[in-house]
Amino acid sequence: MIKLNNRPKLNKPKIRVGRGIGSGKGKTSGRGVKGQKSRSGVAIKSFEGGQMPLYRRLPKRGFNPIQKENIAILNLDKIQSFINKKTINTNDILNSSSLKKLKLINKNSKKLKILGSGEIKDKINIEADLASKSALEKLEKIGGSIQLKK
């Protein structure tokens, strides 16, 4: 008789573990003898044999976004102190690139925000990305101005 289908058996019966010595998987059911791994309900998840586990090798991400925008913050009293020290000239326009050159803000910052804490006495023109209402009011009161970039 010719066999039409000589593929290996597709539906192999599943091995019934712990069903007698003759089955080949009896007594200890292929778990060896004693020890943590022979007991039920024990799993050593993510244990890599003493090697530093993967979840501890990778950097933390949590609630600190990877692509956050670095915004440099500058208060009016800080600007005034720089004017008093003669670091900033009141005649030229104050913008993020000039502040980076003077190393007054971080070179990695993408935007500049002016906040209104403290007082400013000198008239100055500022070019910034963001500004608080109080900063705008205080600068307009003394005759200065803020150009906000879009």
C-alpha atoms as a PDB file:
ATOM      1  CA  MET A   1       0.000   0.000   0.000  1.00  0.00           C
ATOM      2  CA  ILE A   2       1.335   3.469  -0.957  1.00  0.00           C
ATOM      3  CA  LYS A   3       1.245   6.169   1.698  1.00  0.00           C
ATOM      4  CA  LEU A   4      -0.103   9.408   0.188  1.00  0.00           C
ATOM      5  CA  ASN A   5       0.936  11.498   3.145  1.00  0.00           C
ATOM      6  CA  ASN A   6       4.387  10.788   4.581  1.00  0.00           C
ATOM      7  CA  ARG A   7       4.717  14.076   6.464  1.00  0.00           C
ATOM      8  CA  PRO A   8       5.554  13.691  10.166  1.00  0.00           C
ATOM      9  CA  LYS A   9       2.551  13.526  12.408  1.00  0.00           C
ATOM     10  CA  LEU A  10       1.103  17.016  12.819  1.00  0.00           C
ATOM     11  CA  ASN A  11      -0.982  16.540  15.931  1.00  0.00           C
ATOM     12  CA  LYS A  12       1.379  14.903  18.370  1.00  0.00           C
ATOM     13  CA  PRO A  13      -0.252  14.003  21.676  1.00  0.00           C
ATOM     14  CA  LYS A  14       0.973  16.225  24.511  1.00  0.00           C
ATOM     15  CA  ILE A  15       3.261  14.610  27.055  1.00  0.00           C
ATOM     16  CA  ARG A  16       1.433  13.860  30.315  1.00  0.00           C
ATOM     17  CA  VAL A  17       3.960  14.628  32.992  1.00  0.00           C
ATOM     18  CA  GLY A  18       4.120  12.689  36.252  1.00  0.00           C
ATOM     19  CA  ARG A  19       2.142   9.638  35.066  1.00  0.00           C
ATOM     20  CA  GLY A  20       4.356   6.747  36.020  1.00  0.00           C
ATOM     21  CA  ILE A  21       7.858   5.449  35.465  1.00  0.00           C
ATOM     22  CA  GLY A  22       7.113   4.011  32.014  1.00  0.00           C
ATOM     23  CA  SER A  23       6.194   7.338  30.459  1.00  0.00           C
ATOM     24  CA  GLY A  24       9.749   8.669  30.741  1.00  0.00           C
ATOM     25  CA  LYS A  25       8.449  11.769  32.533  1.00  0.00           C
ATOM     26  CA  GLY A  26       7.304  10.157  35.786  1.00  0.00           C
ATOM     27  CA  LYS A  27       8.195  10.712  39.453  1.00  0.00           C
ATOM     28  CA  THR A  28      10.038  14.104  39.356  1.00  0.00           C
ATOM     29  CA  SER A  29       8.432  15.058  36.011  1.00  0.00           C
ATOM     30  CA  GLY A  30      11.693  16.179  34.410  1.00  0.00           C
ATOM     31  CA  ARG A  31      12.399  18.742  37.131  1.00  0.00           C
ATOM     32  CA  GLY A  32      15.396  17.016  38.674  1.00  0.00           C
ATOM     33  CA  VAL A  33      15.681  16.518  42.419  1.00  0.00           C
ATOM     34  CA  LYS A  34      14.858  19.072  45.144  1.00  0.00           C
ATOM     35  CA  GLY A  35      15.741  22.770  45.033  1.00  0.00           C
ATOM     36  CA  GLN A  36      13.819  25.912  44.242  1.00  0.00           C
ATOM     37  CA  LYS A  37      13.203  25.070  40.601  1.00  0.00           C
ATOM     38  CA  SER A  38      11.637  21.703  41.426  1.00  0.00           C
ATOM     39  CA  ARG A  39       8.914  23.300  43.554  1.00  0.00           C
ATOM     40  CA  SER A  40       5.634  24.549  42.166  1.00  0.00           C
ATOM     41  CA  GLY A  41       4.785  28.224  41.963  1.00  0.00           C
ATOM     42  CA  VAL A  42       8.389  29.366  41.656  1.00  0.00           C
ATOM     43  CA  ALA A  43       9.665  31.335  38.707  1.00  0.00           C
ATOM     44  CA  ILE A  44      12.981  33.128  38.685  1.00  0.00           C
ATOM     45  CA  LYS A  45      11.879  35.766  36.192  1.00  0.00           C
ATOM     46  CA  SER A  46      14.511  38.040  34.642  1.00  0.00           C
ATOM     47  CA  PHE A  47      17.260  36.299  36.609  1.00  0.00           C
ATOM     48  CA  GLU A  48      20.312  36.094  34.402  1.00  0.00           C
ATOM     49  CA  GLY A  49      22.602  33.960  36.528  1.00  0.00           C
ATOM     50  CA  GLY A  50      24.162  36.833  38.441  1.00  0.00           C
ATOM     51  CA  GLN A  51      24.733  38.929  35.321  1.00  0.00           C
ATOM     52  CA  MET A  52      23.323  42.489  35.571  1.00  0.00           C
ATOM     53  CA  PRO A  53      19.698  42.045  34.446  1.00  0.00           C
ATOM     54  CA  LEU A  54      18.462  43.767  31.318  1.00  0.00           C
ATOM     55  CA  TYR A  55      15.969  45.973  33.157  1.00  0.00           C
ATOM     56  CA  ARG A  56      18.807  47.377  35.263  1.00  0.00           C
ATOM     57  CA  ARG A  57      21.207  47.842  32.340  1.00  0.00           C
ATOM     58  CA  LEU A  58      18.819  50.135  30.468  1.00  0.00           C
ATOM     59  CA  PRO A  59      18.529  53.827  31.411  1.00  0.00           C
ATOM     60  CA  LYS A  60      15.566  55.138  33.374  1.00  0.00           C
ATOM     61  CA  ARG A  61      12.865  56.913  31.375  1.00  0.00           C
ATOM     62  CA  GLY A  62       9.949  57.441  33.748  1.00  0.00           C
ATOM     63  CA  PHE A  63       8.449  60.919  33.842  1.00  0.00           C
ATOM     64  CA  ASN A  64      11.401  62.768  32.333  1.00  0.00           C
ATOM     65  CA  PRO A  65      10.643  63.136  28.624  1.00  0.00           C
ATOM     66  CA  ILE A  66      13.521  62.430  26.285  1.00  0.00           C
ATOM     67  CA  GLN A  67      12.835  65.259  23.836  1.00  0.00           C
ATOM     68  CA  LYS A  68      12.032  68.026  26.270  1.00  0.00           C
ATOM     69  CA  GLU A  69      12.634  71.617  25.187  1.00  0.00           C
ATOM     70  CA  ASN A  70      15.295  73.357  27.224  1.00  0.00           C
ATOM     71  CA  ILE A  71      13.929  76.781  28.114  1.00  0.00           C
ATOM     72  CA  ALA A  72      16.337  79.271  29.655  1.00  0.00           C
ATOM     73  CA  ILE A  73      14.675  81.367  32.364  1.00  0.00           C
ATOM     74  CA  LEU A  74      15.828  84.892  33.152  1.00  0.00           C
ATOM     75  CA  ASN A  75      14.308  87.158  35.817  1.00  0.00           C
ATOM     76  CA  LEU A  76      14.305  90.944  35.575  1.00  0.00           C
ATOM     77  CA  ASP A  77      16.367  91.348  38.759  1.00  0.00           C
ATOM     78  CA  LYS A  78      19.009  89.028  37.278  1.00  0.00           C
ATOM     79  CA  ILE A  79      19.135  91.168  34.119  1.00  0.00           C
ATOM     80  CA  GLN A  80      19.469  94.296  36.303  1.00  0.00           C
ATOM     81  CA  SER A  81      22.361  92.746  38.255  1.00  0.00           C
ATOM     82  CA  PHE A  82      24.147  91.953  34.963  1.00  0.00           C
ATOM     83  CA  ILE A  83      23.615  95.594  33.848  1.00  0.00           C
ATOM     84  CA  ASN A  84      25.037  96.829  37.168  1.00  0.00           C
ATOM     85  CA  LYS A  85      28.113  94.607  36.707  1.00  0.00           C
ATOM     86  CA  LYS A  86      28.469  96.048  33.160  1.00  0.00           C
ATOM     87  CA  THR A  87      28.178  92.531  31.670  1.00  0.00           C
ATOM     88  CA  ILE A  88      25.203  93.582  29.549  1.00  0.00           C
ATOM     89  CA  ASN A  89      25.147  96.799  27.513  1.00  0.00           C
ATOM     90  CA  THR A  90      21.751  98.557  27.680  1.00  0.00           C
ATOM     91  CA  ASN A  91      22.048  99.949  24.135  1.00  0.00           C
ATOM     92  CA  ASP A  92      22.110  96.664  22.218  1.00  0.00           C
ATOM     93  CA  ILE A  93      19.246  94.169  21.917  1.00  0.00           C
ATOM     94  CA  LEU A  94      19.313  91.363  24.457  1.00  0.00           C
ATOM     95  CA  ASN A  95      18.589  87.972  22.835  1.00  0.00           C
ATOM     96  CA  SER A  96      19.360  84.314  23.474  1.00  0.00           C
ATOM     97  CA  SER A  97      22.402  84.224  21.143  1.00  0.00           C
ATOM     98  CA  SER A  98      24.041  87.233  22.853  1.00  0.00           C
ATOM     99  CA  LEU A  99      23.336  85.714  26.288  1.00  0.00           C
ATOM    100  CA  LYS A 100      24.887  82.420  25.185  1.00  0.00           C
ATOM    101  CA  LYS A 101      28.020  84.250  24.003  1.00  0.00           C
ATOM    102  CA  LEU A 102      28.315  85.955  27.399  1.00  0.00           C
ATOM    103  CA  LYS A 103      27.692  82.531  29.020  1.00  0.00           C
ATOM    104  CA  LEU A 104      24.772  83.884  31.059  1.00  0.00           C
ATOM    105  CA  ILE A 105      22.443  81.110  29.905  1.00  0.00           C
ATOM    106  CA  ASN A 106      23.122  77.480  29.006  1.00  0.00           C
ATOM    107  CA  LYS A 107      24.320  76.887  25.435  1.00  0.00           C
ATOM    108  CA  ASN A 108      21.915  73.906  25.107  1.00  0.00           C
ATOM    109  CA  SER A 109      18.800  75.971  25.773  1.00  0.00           C
ATOM    110  CA  LYS A 110      16.464  76.256  22.797  1.00  0.00           C
ATOM    111  CA  LYS A 111      14.204  79.084  24.003  1.00  0.00           C
ATOM    112  CA  LEU A 112      14.449  82.121  26.277  1.00  0.00           C
ATOM    113  CA  LYS A 113      11.737  83.124  28.753  1.00  0.00           C
ATOM    114  CA  ILE A 114      11.715  86.400  30.647  1.00  0.00           C
ATOM    115  CA  LEU A 115      10.060  86.334  34.085  1.00  0.00           C
ATOM    116  CA  GLY A 116       9.048  89.387  36.094  1.00  0.00           C
ATOM    117  CA  SER A 117      10.406  88.801  39.594  1.00  0.00           C
ATOM    118  CA  GLY A 118      12.417  91.720  40.958  1.00  0.00           C
ATOM    119  CA  GLU A 119      12.757  95.284  39.680  1.00  0.00           C
ATOM    120  CA  ILE A 120      14.531  96.657  36.639  1.00  0.00           C
ATOM    121  CA  LYS A 121      15.649 100.299  36.512  1.00  0.00           C
ATOM    122  CA  ASP A 122      17.406 100.596  33.159  1.00  0.00           C
ATOM    123  CA  LYS A 123      15.632 100.794  29.804  1.00  0.00           C
ATOM    124  CA  ILE A 124      16.481  97.728  27.702  1.00  0.00           C
ATOM    125  CA  ASN A 125      15.248  96.030  24.537  1.00  0.00           C
ATOM    126  CA  ILE A 126      14.834  92.252  24.780  1.00  0.00           C
ATOM    127  CA  GLU A 127      14.173  89.662  22.093  1.00  0.00           C
ATOM    128  CA  ALA A 128      12.758  86.467  23.636  1.00  0.00           C
ATOM    129  CA  ASP A 129      10.544  83.485  22.794  1.00  0.00           C
ATOM    130  CA  LEU A 130       8.316  83.763  25.871  1.00  0.00           C
ATOM    131  CA  ALA A 131       7.614  86.346  28.553  1.00  0.00           C
ATOM    132  CA  SER A 132       5.352  86.606  31.590  1.00  0.00           C
ATOM    133  CA  LYS A 133       2.693  89.340  31.867  1.00  0.00           C
ATOM    134  CA  SER A 134       4.407  90.929  34.875  1.00  0.00           C
ATOM    135  CA  ALA A 135       7.710  91.125  32.957  1.00  0.00           C
ATOM    136  CA  LEU A 136       5.983  92.817  30.003  1.00  0.00           C
ATOM    137  CA  GLU A 137       4.267  95.337  32.298  1.00  0.00           C
ATOM    138  CA  LYS A 138       7.438  96.223  34.220  1.00  0.00           C
ATOM    139  CA  LEU A 139       9.490  96.697  31.058  1.00  0.00           C
ATOM    140  CA  GLU A 140       6.845  98.856  29.369  1.00  0.00           C
ATOM    141  CA  LYS A 141       6.567 100.989  32.541  1.00  0.00           C
ATOM    142  CA  ILE A 142      10.261 101.979  32.363  1.00  0.00           C
ATOM    143  CA  GLY A 143      10.165 102.393  28.562  1.00  0.00           C
ATOM    144  CA  GLY A 144      11.836  99.123  27.517  1.00  0.00           C
ATOM    145  CA  SER A 145      10.389  96.578  25.128  1.00  0.00           C
ATOM    146  CA  ILE A 146      10.149  92.825  24.524  1.00  0.00           C
ATOM    147  CA  GLN A 147       9.915  91.399  21.011  1.00  0.00           C
ATOM    148  CA  LEU A 148       8.349  87.962  21.168  1.00  0.00           C
ATOM    149  CA  LYS A 149       9.431  85.525  18.466  1.00  0.00           C
ATOM    150  CA  LYS A 150       6.680  83.462  16.889  1.00  0.00           C
END
